[in-house]
Amino acid sequence: MSQDHIIKSYDEELTRLTGEIVRMGEIAAYQLGAAMDVLERRDTRAAERVIANDDAIDALEASVSYDVVQLLARRQPMARDLREVLAALRIASAIERIGDYAANVAKRSTALNRHAPVPAAQDIRTLATLATELLQQVLVAYRDRDAEAADVVRRRDADLDALHTQVFRELLDDMAREPSTVPSCAHLLFIAKNIERIGDHATNIAENVWYLVYGEEPTEERPKSDESSQIS
């Protein structure tokens, strides 16, 4: 077998692996959108379908992990090729966690349906829209091996943090002003935190894209603007 054929075969395997991971991310983004839809429609049956669909992401993550082990065993990659494989494993893990958080949003929505609706749900939608944008953008950056585009996502996580802090404050204000909203607002607080964590994992993906391309972690500290833990 010629060296050119071996290289081509390996490149094809990496391309297929990247495609699997991007597909995983697209499913996770869809799951978050579906979770927000059932939250707003207060549709418990549809929420249960969203929760069940998390199995598809878990199965893909298991498939990626298997493919990575096979690549490591057969190809014994070094340098940039090794970074490709390690980044794939880390990114797939981050996407699997994103899928879990989307499922958690759907689970919380079923509990929320047992209480009166509160207006803050619209602010949650804005938060989820931004988190989805970050996830979609970092998937493109990973597909294109574009470290600079990934760094833009990394920096935009501060916007998501700031918005989460705003939502957190508004929900606390609602609970103080109208105690009857406490059960609903408590569930929304958990939902908002799950979405904020999705942004954190999108940022983790961005940092892995940077590592993949340059062989080092980003030198600047990740910008953070979440002040919810300091609010009392």
C-alpha atoms as a PDB file:
ATOM      1  CA  MET A   1       0.000   0.000   0.000  1.00  0.00           C
ATOM      2  CA  SER A   2       1.485   3.365  -1.028  1.00  0.00           C
ATOM      3  CA  GLN A   3       2.190   6.157   1.456  1.00  0.00           C
ATOM      4  CA  ASP A   4      -0.176   8.452  -0.474  1.00  0.00           C
ATOM      5  CA  HIS A   5      -2.970   5.902  -0.156  1.00  0.00           C
ATOM      6  CA  ILE A   6      -2.364   5.564   3.596  1.00  0.00           C
ATOM      7  CA  ILE A   7      -2.462   9.346   4.053  1.00  0.00           C
ATOM      8  CA  LYS A   8      -5.626   9.650   1.959  1.00  0.00           C
ATOM      9  CA  SER A   9      -7.308   6.871   3.912  1.00  0.00           C
ATOM     10  CA  TYR A  10      -6.382   8.514   7.213  1.00  0.00           C
ATOM     11  CA  ASP A  11      -7.647  11.901   6.034  1.00  0.00           C
ATOM     12  CA  GLU A  12     -10.933  10.299   5.032  1.00  0.00           C
ATOM     13  CA  GLU A  13     -11.279   8.757   8.486  1.00  0.00           C
ATOM     14  CA  LEU A  14     -10.678  12.140  10.139  1.00  0.00           C
ATOM     15  CA  THR A  15     -13.197  13.787   7.810  1.00  0.00           C
ATOM     16  CA  ARG A  16     -15.794  11.171   8.678  1.00  0.00           C
ATOM     17  CA  LEU A  17     -15.058  11.616  12.390  1.00  0.00           C
ATOM     18  CA  THR A  18     -15.468  15.376  12.084  1.00  0.00           C
ATOM     19  CA  GLY A  19     -18.775  14.852  10.274  1.00  0.00           C
ATOM     20  CA  GLU A  20     -20.037  12.616  13.076  1.00  0.00           C
ATOM     21  CA  ILE A  21     -19.151  15.209  15.698  1.00  0.00           C
ATOM     22  CA  VAL A  22     -20.710  18.097  13.786  1.00  0.00           C
ATOM     23  CA  ARG A  23     -23.876  16.012  13.384  1.00  0.00           C
ATOM     24  CA  MET A  24     -23.861  15.390  17.134  1.00  0.00           C
ATOM     25  CA  GLY A  25     -23.638  19.130  17.713  1.00  0.00           C
ATOM     26  CA  GLU A  26     -26.458  19.865  15.294  1.00  0.00           C
ATOM     27  CA  ILE A  27     -28.687  17.377  17.123  1.00  0.00           C
ATOM     28  CA  ALA A  28     -27.775  18.994  20.452  1.00  0.00           C
ATOM     29  CA  ALA A  29     -28.646  22.441  19.077  1.00  0.00           C
ATOM     30  CA  TYR A  30     -31.963  21.081  17.819  1.00  0.00           C
ATOM     31  CA  GLN A  31     -32.617  19.507  21.221  1.00  0.00           C
ATOM     32  CA  LEU A  32     -32.164  22.860  22.956  1.00  0.00           C
ATOM     33  CA  GLY A  33     -34.550  24.533  20.527  1.00  0.00           C
ATOM     34  CA  ALA A  34     -37.093  21.757  21.011  1.00  0.00           C
ATOM     35  CA  ALA A  35     -36.756  22.020  24.794  1.00  0.00           C
ATOM     36  CA  MET A  36     -37.489  25.745  24.609  1.00  0.00           C
ATOM     37  CA  ASP A  37     -40.513  25.117  22.402  1.00  0.00           C
ATOM     38  CA  VAL A  38     -42.051  22.641  24.845  1.00  0.00           C
ATOM     39  CA  LEU A  39     -41.246  25.016  27.711  1.00  0.00           C
ATOM     40  CA  GLU A  40     -43.161  27.834  26.042  1.00  0.00           C
ATOM     41  CA  ARG A  41     -46.031  25.615  24.874  1.00  0.00           C
ATOM     42  CA  ARG A  42     -46.209  23.875  28.270  1.00  0.00           C
ATOM     43  CA  ASP A  43     -46.392  20.563  26.432  1.00  0.00           C
ATOM     44  CA  THR A  44     -45.429  17.763  28.802  1.00  0.00           C
ATOM     45  CA  ARG A  45     -45.826  14.948  26.269  1.00  0.00           C
ATOM     46  CA  ALA A  46     -43.547  16.670  23.761  1.00  0.00           C
ATOM     47  CA  ALA A  47     -41.045  17.362  26.554  1.00  0.00           C
ATOM     48  CA  GLU A  48     -40.880  13.646  27.271  1.00  0.00           C
ATOM     49  CA  ARG A  49     -39.980  13.043  23.609  1.00  0.00           C
ATOM     50  CA  VAL A  50     -37.169  15.600  23.850  1.00  0.00           C
ATOM     51  CA  ILE A  51     -35.844  13.822  26.947  1.00  0.00           C
ATOM     52  CA  ALA A  52     -35.968  10.442  25.185  1.00  0.00           C
ATOM     53  CA  ASN A  53     -34.137  11.846  22.145  1.00  0.00           C
ATOM     54  CA  ASP A  54     -31.053  12.467  24.276  1.00  0.00           C
ATOM     55  CA  ASP A  55     -30.236   8.799  23.707  1.00  0.00           C
ATOM     56  CA  ALA A  56     -29.331   9.615  20.090  1.00  0.00           C
ATOM     57  CA  ILE A  57     -26.580  11.994  21.218  1.00  0.00           C
ATOM     58  CA  ASP A  58     -25.312   9.474  23.765  1.00  0.00           C
ATOM     59  CA  ALA A  59     -25.138   6.809  21.038  1.00  0.00           C
ATOM     60  CA  LEU A  60     -23.192   9.098  18.721  1.00  0.00           C
ATOM     61  CA  GLU A  61     -20.767  10.002  21.507  1.00  0.00           C
ATOM     62  CA  ALA A  62     -20.159   6.301  22.120  1.00  0.00           C
ATOM     63  CA  SER A  63     -19.593   5.798  18.382  1.00  0.00           C
ATOM     64  CA  VAL A  64     -17.090   8.655  18.244  1.00  0.00           C
ATOM     65  CA  SER A  65     -15.234   7.281  21.270  1.00  0.00           C
ATOM     66  CA  TYR A  66     -15.008   3.880  19.586  1.00  0.00           C
ATOM     67  CA  ASP A  67     -13.743   5.428  16.341  1.00  0.00           C
ATOM     68  CA  VAL A  68     -11.114   7.419  18.247  1.00  0.00           C
ATOM     69  CA  VAL A  69      -9.824   4.274  19.972  1.00  0.00           C
ATOM     70  CA  GLN A  70      -9.647   2.510  16.597  1.00  0.00           C
ATOM     71  CA  LEU A  71      -7.742   5.421  15.051  1.00  0.00           C
ATOM     72  CA  LEU A  72      -5.275   5.488  17.926  1.00  0.00           C
ATOM     73  CA  ALA A  73      -4.702   1.739  17.679  1.00  0.00           C
ATOM     74  CA  ARG A  74      -4.349   1.545  13.885  1.00  0.00           C
ATOM     75  CA  ARG A  75      -2.635   4.810  13.033  1.00  0.00           C
ATOM     76  CA  GLN A  76      -0.659   5.712  16.159  1.00  0.00           C
ATOM     77  CA  PRO A  77      -0.859   9.401  15.205  1.00  0.00           C
ATOM     78  CA  MET A  78       1.706  11.987  16.245  1.00  0.00           C
ATOM     79  CA  ALA A  79       1.815  15.804  16.510  1.00  0.00           C
ATOM     80  CA  ARG A  80      -1.064  17.517  14.637  1.00  0.00           C
ATOM     81  CA  ASP A  81      -2.745  14.202  13.830  1.00  0.00           C
ATOM     82  CA  LEU A  82      -2.751  13.255  17.495  1.00  0.00           C
ATOM     83  CA  ARG A  83      -4.276  16.631  18.373  1.00  0.00           C
ATOM     84  CA  GLU A  84      -7.027  15.970  15.817  1.00  0.00           C
ATOM     85  CA  VAL A  85      -7.950  12.728  17.531  1.00  0.00           C
ATOM     86  CA  LEU A  86      -7.722  14.037  21.095  1.00  0.00           C
ATOM     87  CA  ALA A  87      -9.732  17.155  20.226  1.00  0.00           C
ATOM     88  CA  ALA A  88     -12.406  14.970  18.625  1.00  0.00           C
ATOM     89  CA  LEU A  89     -12.737  12.981  21.849  1.00  0.00           C
ATOM     90  CA  ARG A  90     -12.977  16.120  24.006  1.00  0.00           C
ATOM     91  CA  ILE A  91     -15.405  17.903  21.704  1.00  0.00           C
ATOM     92  CA  ALA A  92     -17.699  14.878  21.480  1.00  0.00           C
ATOM     93  CA  SER A  93     -17.739  14.713  25.281  1.00  0.00           C
ATOM     94  CA  ALA A  94     -18.643  18.409  25.512  1.00  0.00           C
ATOM     95  CA  ILE A  95     -21.485  17.963  23.026  1.00  0.00           C
ATOM     96  CA  GLU A  96     -22.793  14.982  24.979  1.00  0.00           C
ATOM     97  CA  ARG A  97     -22.960  17.217  28.062  1.00  0.00           C
ATOM     98  CA  ILE A  98     -24.756  19.893  26.051  1.00  0.00           C
ATOM     99  CA  GLY A  99     -27.339  17.292  25.087  1.00  0.00           C
ATOM    100  CA  ASP A 100     -27.753  16.400  28.759  1.00  0.00           C
ATOM    101  CA  TYR A 101     -28.373  20.042  29.660  1.00  0.00           C
ATOM    102  CA  ALA A 102     -30.951  20.383  26.889  1.00  0.00           C
ATOM    103  CA  ALA A 103     -32.717  17.297  28.236  1.00  0.00           C
ATOM    104  CA  ASN A 104     -32.582  18.828  31.724  1.00  0.00           C
ATOM    105  CA  VAL A 105     -34.368  21.914  30.397  1.00  0.00           C
ATOM    106  CA  ALA A 106     -37.130  19.667  29.055  1.00  0.00           C
ATOM    107  CA  LYS A 107     -37.334  17.810  32.389  1.00  0.00           C
ATOM    108  CA  ARG A 108     -37.676  21.089  34.290  1.00  0.00           C
ATOM    109  CA  SER A 109     -40.389  22.208  31.887  1.00  0.00           C
ATOM    110  CA  THR A 110     -42.542  19.227  32.858  1.00  0.00           C
ATOM    111  CA  ALA A 111     -42.261  20.253  36.521  1.00  0.00           C
ATOM    112  CA  LEU A 112     -42.920  23.878  35.591  1.00  0.00           C
ATOM    113  CA  ASN A 113     -46.159  22.878  33.875  1.00  0.00           C
ATOM    114  CA  ARG A 114     -47.641  22.083  37.286  1.00  0.00           C
ATOM    115  CA  HIS A 115     -47.411  25.761  38.271  1.00  0.00           C
ATOM    116  CA  ALA A 116     -48.756  29.037  36.921  1.00  0.00           C
ATOM    117  CA  PRO A 117     -46.746  30.530  34.017  1.00  0.00           C
ATOM    118  CA  VAL A 118     -44.486  33.520  34.706  1.00  0.00           C
ATOM    119  CA  PRO A 119     -43.368  36.236  32.243  1.00  0.00           C
ATOM    120  CA  ALA A 120     -39.641  35.529  32.711  1.00  0.00           C
ATOM    121  CA  ALA A 121     -39.899  32.587  30.312  1.00  0.00           C
ATOM    122  CA  GLN A 122     -39.329  35.026  27.421  1.00  0.00           C
ATOM    123  CA  ASP A 123     -35.983  36.090  28.906  1.00  0.00           C
ATOM    124  CA  ILE A 124     -35.045  32.417  29.050  1.00  0.00           C
ATOM    125  CA  ARG A 125     -35.738  32.179  25.305  1.00  0.00           C
ATOM    126  CA  THR A 126     -33.289  35.036  24.642  1.00  0.00           C
ATOM    127  CA  LEU A 127     -30.668  33.240  26.710  1.00  0.00           C
ATOM    128  CA  ALA A 128     -31.232  29.976  24.829  1.00  0.00           C
ATOM    129  CA  THR A 129     -31.073  31.721  21.450  1.00  0.00           C
ATOM    130  CA  LEU A 130     -27.640  33.117  22.265  1.00  0.00           C
ATOM    131  CA  ALA A 131     -26.409  29.736  23.568  1.00  0.00           C
ATOM    132  CA  THR A 132     -27.609  28.078  20.352  1.00  0.00           C
ATOM    133  CA  GLU A 133     -25.808  30.686  18.252  1.00  0.00           C
ATOM    134  CA  LEU A 134     -22.556  30.036  20.113  1.00  0.00           C
ATOM    135  CA  LEU A 135     -22.905  26.285  19.642  1.00  0.00           C
ATOM    136  CA  GLN A 136     -23.671  26.584  15.932  1.00  0.00           C
ATOM    137  CA  GLN A 137     -20.788  28.994  15.357  1.00  0.00           C
ATOM    138  CA  VAL A 138     -18.258  26.829  17.168  1.00  0.00           C
ATOM    139  CA  LEU A 139     -19.362  23.765  15.177  1.00  0.00           C
ATOM    140  CA  VAL A 140     -18.568  25.664  11.973  1.00  0.00           C
ATOM    141  CA  ALA A 141     -15.221  26.741  13.447  1.00  0.00           C
ATOM    142  CA  TYR A 142     -14.428  23.102  14.256  1.00  0.00           C
ATOM    143  CA  ARG A 143     -15.501  21.872  10.819  1.00  0.00           C
ATOM    144  CA  ASP A 144     -13.347  24.534   9.123  1.00  0.00           C
ATOM    145  CA  ARG A 145     -10.462  24.279  11.627  1.00  0.00           C
ATOM    146  CA  ASP A 146     -10.835  28.041  12.120  1.00  0.00           C
ATOM    147  CA  ALA A 147      -9.164  28.951  15.421  1.00  0.00           C
ATOM    148  CA  GLU A 148      -9.918  32.659  15.104  1.00  0.00           C
ATOM    149  CA  ALA A 149     -13.644  32.013  14.637  1.00  0.00           C
ATOM    150  CA  ALA A 150     -13.528  29.698  17.639  1.00  0.00           C
ATOM    151  CA  ASP A 151     -11.904  32.455  19.690  1.00  0.00           C
ATOM    152  CA  VAL A 152     -14.801  34.782  18.817  1.00  0.00           C
ATOM    153  CA  VAL A 153     -17.168  32.206  20.358  1.00  0.00           C
ATOM    154  CA  ARG A 154     -14.910  31.963  23.402  1.00  0.00           C
ATOM    155  CA  ARG A 155     -15.103  35.711  23.938  1.00  0.00           C
ATOM    156  CA  ARG A 156     -18.860  35.869  23.349  1.00  0.00           C
ATOM    157  CA  ASP A 157     -19.426  33.539  26.295  1.00  0.00           C
ATOM    158  CA  ALA A 158     -19.094  36.678  28.450  1.00  0.00           C
ATOM    159  CA  ASP A 159     -22.263  38.013  26.765  1.00  0.00           C
ATOM    160  CA  LEU A 160     -24.095  34.840  27.726  1.00  0.00           C
ATOM    161  CA  ASP A 161     -22.814  35.138  31.306  1.00  0.00           C
ATOM    162  CA  ALA A 162     -24.042  38.736  31.540  1.00  0.00           C
ATOM    163  CA  LEU A 163     -27.460  37.785  30.202  1.00  0.00           C
ATOM    164  CA  HIS A 164     -27.674  34.887  32.660  1.00  0.00           C
ATOM    165  CA  THR A 165     -26.914  37.291  35.517  1.00  0.00           C
ATOM    166  CA  GLN A 166     -29.687  39.591  34.283  1.00  0.00           C
ATOM    167  CA  VAL A 167     -32.203  36.735  34.125  1.00  0.00           C
ATOM    168  CA  PHE A 168     -31.112  35.538  37.562  1.00  0.00           C
ATOM    169  CA  ARG A 169     -31.706  38.996  39.068  1.00  0.00           C
ATOM    170  CA  GLU A 170     -35.112  39.337  37.400  1.00  0.00           C
ATOM    171  CA  LEU A 171     -36.265  35.970  38.716  1.00  0.00           C
ATOM    172  CA  LEU A 172     -35.150  36.823  42.242  1.00  0.00           C
ATOM    173  CA  ASP A 173     -36.993  40.136  41.997  1.00  0.00           C
ATOM    174  CA  ASP A 174     -40.134  38.333  40.806  1.00  0.00           C
ATOM    175  CA  MET A 175     -39.983  35.934  43.753  1.00  0.00           C
ATOM    176  CA  ALA A 176     -39.518  38.771  46.239  1.00  0.00           C
ATOM    177  CA  ARG A 177     -42.334  40.806  44.724  1.00  0.00           C
ATOM    178  CA  GLU A 178     -44.807  37.933  44.343  1.00  0.00           C
ATOM    179  CA  PRO A 179     -44.169  34.907  46.607  1.00  0.00           C
ATOM    180  CA  SER A 180     -46.708  32.809  44.700  1.00  0.00           C
ATOM    181  CA  THR A 181     -44.249  32.686  41.772  1.00  0.00           C
ATOM    182  CA  VAL A 182     -41.487  31.084  43.848  1.00  0.00           C
ATOM    183  CA  PRO A 183     -42.037  27.477  42.588  1.00  0.00           C
ATOM    184  CA  SER A 184     -42.116  28.548  38.932  1.00  0.00           C
ATOM    185  CA  CYS A 185     -39.184  30.930  39.258  1.00  0.00           C
ATOM    186  CA  ALA A 186     -37.115  28.309  41.054  1.00  0.00           C
ATOM    187  CA  HIS A 187     -37.490  25.939  38.103  1.00  0.00           C
ATOM    188  CA  LEU A 188     -36.618  28.787  35.719  1.00  0.00           C
ATOM    189  CA  LEU A 189     -33.472  29.509  37.711  1.00  0.00           C
ATOM    190  CA  PHE A 190     -32.324  25.929  37.149  1.00  0.00           C
ATOM    191  CA  ILE A 191     -33.260  26.130  33.453  1.00  0.00           C
ATOM    192  CA  ALA A 192     -31.287  29.369  33.040  1.00  0.00           C
ATOM    193  CA  LYS A 193     -28.260  27.785  34.713  1.00  0.00           C
ATOM    194  CA  ASN A 194     -28.438  24.755  32.420  1.00  0.00           C
ATOM    195  CA  ILE A 195     -28.414  27.061  29.402  1.00  0.00           C
ATOM    196  CA  GLU A 196     -25.488  29.045  30.806  1.00  0.00           C
ATOM    197  CA  ARG A 197     -23.594  25.774  31.189  1.00  0.00           C
ATOM    198  CA  ILE A 198     -24.286  24.984  27.529  1.00  0.00           C
ATOM    199  CA  GLY A 199     -22.435  28.201  26.730  1.00  0.00           C
ATOM    200  CA  ASP A 200     -19.536  27.061  28.895  1.00  0.00           C
ATOM    201  CA  HIS A 201     -19.289  23.803  26.956  1.00  0.00           C
ATOM    202  CA  ALA A 202     -19.441  25.671  23.629  1.00  0.00           C
ATOM    203  CA  THR A 203     -16.487  27.654  24.958  1.00  0.00           C
ATOM    204  CA  ASN A 204     -14.691  24.424  25.865  1.00  0.00           C
ATOM    205  CA  ILE A 205     -15.168  23.293  22.263  1.00  0.00           C
ATOM    206  CA  ALA A 206     -13.747  26.610  21.058  1.00  0.00           C
ATOM    207  CA  GLU A 207     -10.659  26.137  23.219  1.00  0.00           C
ATOM    208  CA  ASN A 208     -10.178  22.649  21.817  1.00  0.00           C
ATOM    209  CA  VAL A 209     -10.356  24.015  18.269  1.00  0.00           C
ATOM    210  CA  TRP A 210      -7.637  26.501  19.210  1.00  0.00           C
ATOM    211  CA  TYR A 211      -5.546  23.665  20.683  1.00  0.00           C
ATOM    212  CA  LEU A 212      -6.123  21.531  17.588  1.00  0.00           C
ATOM    213  CA  VAL A 213      -4.861  24.268  15.256  1.00  0.00           C
ATOM    214  CA  TYR A 214      -2.008  25.752  17.298  1.00  0.00           C
ATOM    215  CA  GLY A 215      -0.998  22.960  19.654  1.00  0.00           C
ATOM    216  CA  GLU A 216      -1.452  25.103  22.775  1.00  0.00           C
ATOM    217  CA  GLU A 217      -4.169  26.424  25.026  1.00  0.00           C
ATOM    218  CA  PRO A 218      -5.369  30.025  24.503  1.00  0.00           C
ATOM    219  CA  THR A 219      -2.968  32.340  26.320  1.00  0.00           C
ATOM    220  CA  GLU A 220      -5.579  34.854  27.474  1.00  0.00           C
ATOM    221  CA  GLU A 221      -7.839  33.954  30.381  1.00  0.00           C
ATOM    222  CA  ARG A 222     -11.406  33.175  29.417  1.00  0.00           C
ATOM    223  CA  PRO A 223     -13.577  36.291  29.891  1.00  0.00           C
ATOM    224  CA  LYS A 224     -16.344  35.738  32.456  1.00  0.00           C
ATOM    225  CA  SER A 225     -19.292  37.979  33.325  1.00  0.00           C
ATOM    226  CA  ASP A 226     -21.557  35.704  35.365  1.00  0.00           C
ATOM    227  CA  GLU A 227     -22.221  37.423  38.693  1.00  0.00           C
ATOM    228  CA  SER A 228     -25.183  35.293  39.751  1.00  0.00           C
ATOM    229  CA  SER A 229     -23.199  33.597  42.528  1.00  0.00           C
ATOM    230  CA  GLN A 230     -22.551  37.026  44.095  1.00  0.00           C
ATOM    231  CA  ILE A 231     -26.219  38.039  44.198  1.00  0.00           C
ATOM    232  CA  SER A 232     -27.979  37.672  47.519  1.00  0.00           C
END
